[in-house]
């Protein structure tokens, strides 16, 4: 068994143009996602049996059939679950229709293998930080509010990946099990 998810790896391709430094200056209590771990989750699998890997690969291929590499634009800054209770700071995706299509396909097809369907509507976003406490929350939210419509760079999506997530005290370690080109 492994803790699995399917994603689009972004890594260092996300150019935040000083945003991290702005947020850090607030003195907020948070942990930024390491550059090499930045990704867009298409489907969280949770506990996954290794013997299902081949079937998951097949479903990944079916889910992107007919989709060529495409560009996405990072735009906007927001929080989950809400302003009063900040847990995650994220960057959005402008025009996420192709990403949403892939995510819907994966969610639908993987349910046939016993993976739980997502209860919430898919939200195209990239987590950049996790909030650890409410310290300086108001200052941090001022930065977030100011950057709601901020535009960042573009990125070409060329592949999706099946990943293994190993949680450690120093943060997660992600290992790529399979990469599927579009």
Protein backbone atom coordinates (compact mmCIF):
# COMPACT_ATOMS: atom_id res chain seq x y z
CA UNK A 1 0.00 0.00 0.00
CA UNK A 2 1.07 3.56 -0.62
CA UNK A 3 -0.54 6.99 -0.23
CA UNK A 4 -1.18 8.02 -3.84
CA UNK A 5 -2.35 10.90 -5.98
CA UNK A 6 -2.37 11.92 -9.64
CA UNK A 7 -1.05 15.37 -10.48
CA UNK A 8 0.45 17.85 -12.86
CA UNK A 9 3.93 18.63 -11.59
CA UNK A 10 4.68 22.35 -11.61
CA UNK A 11 7.87 22.52 -9.54
CA UNK A 12 9.99 25.60 -10.07
CA UNK A 13 7.96 26.67 -13.12
CA UNK A 14 5.66 28.76 -10.91
CA UNK A 15 7.12 32.27 -10.77
CA UNK A 16 5.75 34.03 -7.71
CA UNK A 17 7.60 37.32 -8.29
CA UNK A 18 8.21 38.29 -4.68
CA UNK A 19 4.88 37.04 -3.32
CA UNK A 20 6.51 34.63 -0.83
CA UNK A 21 8.65 37.43 0.56
CA UNK A 22 5.59 39.70 0.92
CA UNK A 23 3.74 37.03 2.87
CA UNK A 24 6.80 36.18 4.99
CA UNK A 25 7.14 39.84 6.04
CA UNK A 26 3.73 39.60 7.74
CA UNK A 27 5.24 37.26 10.34
CA UNK A 28 2.41 34.78 9.75
CA UNK A 29 2.84 31.24 11.06
CA UNK A 30 2.89 29.09 7.94
CA UNK A 31 4.89 26.57 5.99
CA UNK A 32 5.51 27.12 2.31
CA UNK A 33 5.48 24.17 -0.08
CA UNK A 34 9.00 23.37 -1.28
CA UNK A 35 9.53 24.29 -4.95
CA UNK A 36 10.14 20.70 -6.01
CA UNK A 37 6.82 19.64 -4.44
CA UNK A 38 4.57 22.23 -6.13
CA UNK A 39 1.89 20.41 -8.10
CA UNK A 40 -1.74 20.53 -9.11
CA UNK A 41 -3.61 17.53 -7.72
CA UNK A 42 -6.00 16.03 -10.25
CA UNK A 43 -7.12 13.16 -8.02
CA UNK A 44 -6.17 12.20 -4.48
CA UNK A 45 -6.24 8.41 -4.21
CA UNK A 46 -5.31 7.90 -0.57
CA UNK A 47 -4.27 4.39 0.45
CA UNK A 48 -3.57 2.56 -2.80
CA UNK A 49 -2.75 -1.10 -3.39
CA UNK A 50 0.41 -1.54 -5.44
CA UNK A 51 -1.27 -4.25 -7.50
CA UNK A 52 -3.62 -1.58 -8.92
CA UNK A 53 -0.80 0.49 -10.47
CA UNK A 54 -1.18 -1.01 -13.97
CA UNK A 55 -4.94 -0.43 -13.96
CA UNK A 56 -4.43 3.14 -12.71
CA UNK A 57 -1.96 3.76 -15.55
CA UNK A 58 -4.59 2.55 -18.03
CA UNK A 59 -7.22 4.85 -16.53
CA UNK A 60 -4.77 7.77 -16.68
CA UNK A 61 -4.28 7.09 -20.41
CA UNK A 62 -8.06 6.88 -21.01
CA UNK A 63 -8.62 10.10 -19.05
CA UNK A 64 -6.33 12.20 -21.25
CA UNK A 65 -7.22 10.60 -24.58
CA UNK A 66 -7.44 13.29 -27.27
CA UNK A 67 -5.93 16.00 -25.05
CA UNK A 68 -2.79 17.55 -26.49
CA UNK A 69 -0.27 19.57 -24.43
CA UNK A 70 -1.86 22.88 -23.43
CA UNK A 71 -0.96 26.09 -21.64
CA UNK A 72 -2.37 27.27 -18.34
CA UNK A 73 -2.01 30.66 -16.70
CA UNK A 74 -1.59 31.00 -12.95
CA UNK A 75 -3.89 33.74 -11.69
CA UNK A 76 -5.30 34.85 -8.37
CA UNK A 77 -4.58 34.07 -4.77
CA UNK A 78 -7.02 32.59 -2.30
CA UNK A 79 -7.50 30.54 0.85
CA UNK A 80 -9.20 27.34 1.95
CA UNK A 81 -11.56 26.77 3.62
CA UNK A 82 -12.51 30.44 4.24
CA UNK A 83 -11.30 33.85 5.45
CA UNK A 84 -12.16 33.20 9.09
CA UNK A 85 -10.37 29.87 9.21
CA UNK A 86 -7.32 29.93 6.95
CA UNK A 87 -5.63 26.55 6.45
CA UNK A 88 -4.23 26.73 2.91
CA UNK A 89 -3.02 29.54 0.65
CA UNK A 90 -3.42 28.76 -3.05
CA UNK A 91 -2.90 30.15 -6.54
CA UNK A 92 -5.65 29.63 -9.07
CA UNK A 93 -5.71 28.68 -12.73
CA UNK A 94 -7.28 30.87 -15.40
CA UNK A 95 -9.44 28.92 -17.88
CA UNK A 96 -9.08 25.51 -16.19
CA UNK A 97 -11.48 23.63 -18.50
CA UNK A 98 -8.97 21.02 -19.77
CA UNK A 99 -7.67 20.37 -16.26
CA UNK A 100 -11.23 19.99 -14.98
CA UNK A 101 -12.04 17.58 -17.80
CA UNK A 102 -9.03 15.38 -16.92
CA UNK A 103 -9.92 15.49 -13.22
CA UNK A 104 -13.58 14.55 -13.90
CA UNK A 105 -12.48 11.68 -16.14
CA UNK A 106 -10.09 10.38 -13.49
CA UNK A 107 -12.66 10.70 -10.71
CA UNK A 108 -15.31 8.86 -12.72
CA UNK A 109 -13.11 6.05 -14.05
CA UNK A 110 -11.18 5.45 -10.81
CA UNK A 111 -14.42 4.93 -8.91
CA UNK A 112 -14.76 1.66 -10.88
CA UNK A 113 -11.57 0.52 -9.10
CA UNK A 114 -13.06 1.34 -5.72
CA UNK A 115 -11.60 4.81 -5.22
CA UNK A 116 -14.00 7.17 -3.52
CA UNK A 117 -15.55 9.84 -5.75
CA UNK A 118 -14.77 13.40 -4.72
CA UNK A 119 -17.55 14.89 -2.60
CA UNK A 120 -16.68 18.47 -3.55
CA UNK A 121 -16.53 20.04 -6.97
CA UNK A 122 -12.99 20.00 -8.40
CA UNK A 123 -11.07 23.23 -7.82
CA UNK A 124 -8.05 23.94 -10.04
CA UNK A 125 -5.45 25.35 -7.67
CA UNK A 126 -1.89 25.02 -6.51
CA UNK A 127 -1.21 25.01 -2.78
CA UNK A 128 1.72 27.29 -1.97
CA UNK A 129 1.49 27.33 1.85
CA UNK A 130 -0.23 25.75 4.83
CA UNK A 131 -1.24 27.99 7.71
CA UNK A 132 -0.13 26.63 11.10
CA UNK A 133 -1.78 29.17 13.43
CA UNK A 134 -3.72 32.43 13.44
CA UNK A 135 -0.63 34.54 14.22
CA UNK A 136 -0.72 37.74 12.12
CA UNK A 137 -3.64 36.35 10.13
CA UNK A 138 -5.01 39.85 9.44
CA UNK A 139 -1.71 41.09 7.97
CA UNK A 140 -1.42 37.97 5.84
CA UNK A 141 -4.98 38.32 4.62
CA UNK A 142 -4.30 41.91 3.50
CA UNK A 143 -1.61 40.57 1.16
CA UNK A 144 -3.91 37.79 -0.06
CA UNK A 145 -6.80 40.22 -0.61
CA UNK A 146 -4.54 42.56 -2.60
CA UNK A 147 -3.38 39.68 -4.82
CA UNK A 148 -6.80 38.12 -5.58
CA UNK A 149 -6.59 39.04 -9.26
CA UNK A 150 -2.81 38.99 -9.60
CA UNK A 151 -1.47 37.29 -12.70
CA UNK A 152 1.55 35.04 -12.63
CA UNK A 153 3.23 33.14 -15.44
CA UNK A 154 2.06 30.55 -17.96
CA UNK A 155 2.98 26.88 -17.92
CA UNK A 156 2.68 24.21 -20.58
CA UNK A 157 1.05 21.02 -19.35
CA UNK A 158 2.74 18.14 -21.17
CA UNK A 159 2.13 15.21 -18.80
CA UNK A 160 0.36 13.89 -15.74
CA UNK A 161 1.95 11.78 -13.02
CA UNK A 162 1.00 9.08 -10.55
CA UNK A 163 2.76 9.93 -7.29
CA UNK A 164 3.48 8.30 -3.98
CA UNK A 165 3.38 10.57 -0.93
CA UNK A 166 5.36 9.66 2.15
CA UNK A 167 4.61 11.91 5.13
CA UNK A 168 7.60 12.77 7.33
CA UNK A 169 8.14 15.23 10.22
CA UNK A 170 10.06 17.46 7.77
CA UNK A 171 7.25 17.48 5.21
CA UNK A 172 6.07 15.10 2.49
CA UNK A 173 8.38 13.24 0.14
CA UNK A 174 6.85 12.69 -3.30
CA UNK A 175 8.05 9.90 -5.57
CA UNK A 176 6.92 9.58 -9.16
CA UNK A 177 5.61 6.10 -9.96
CA UNK A 178 4.48 6.78 -13.53
CA UNK A 179 4.50 9.74 -15.91
CA UNK A 180 2.11 9.85 -18.86
CA UNK A 181 2.80 12.32 -21.69
CA UNK A 182 -0.18 14.05 -23.30
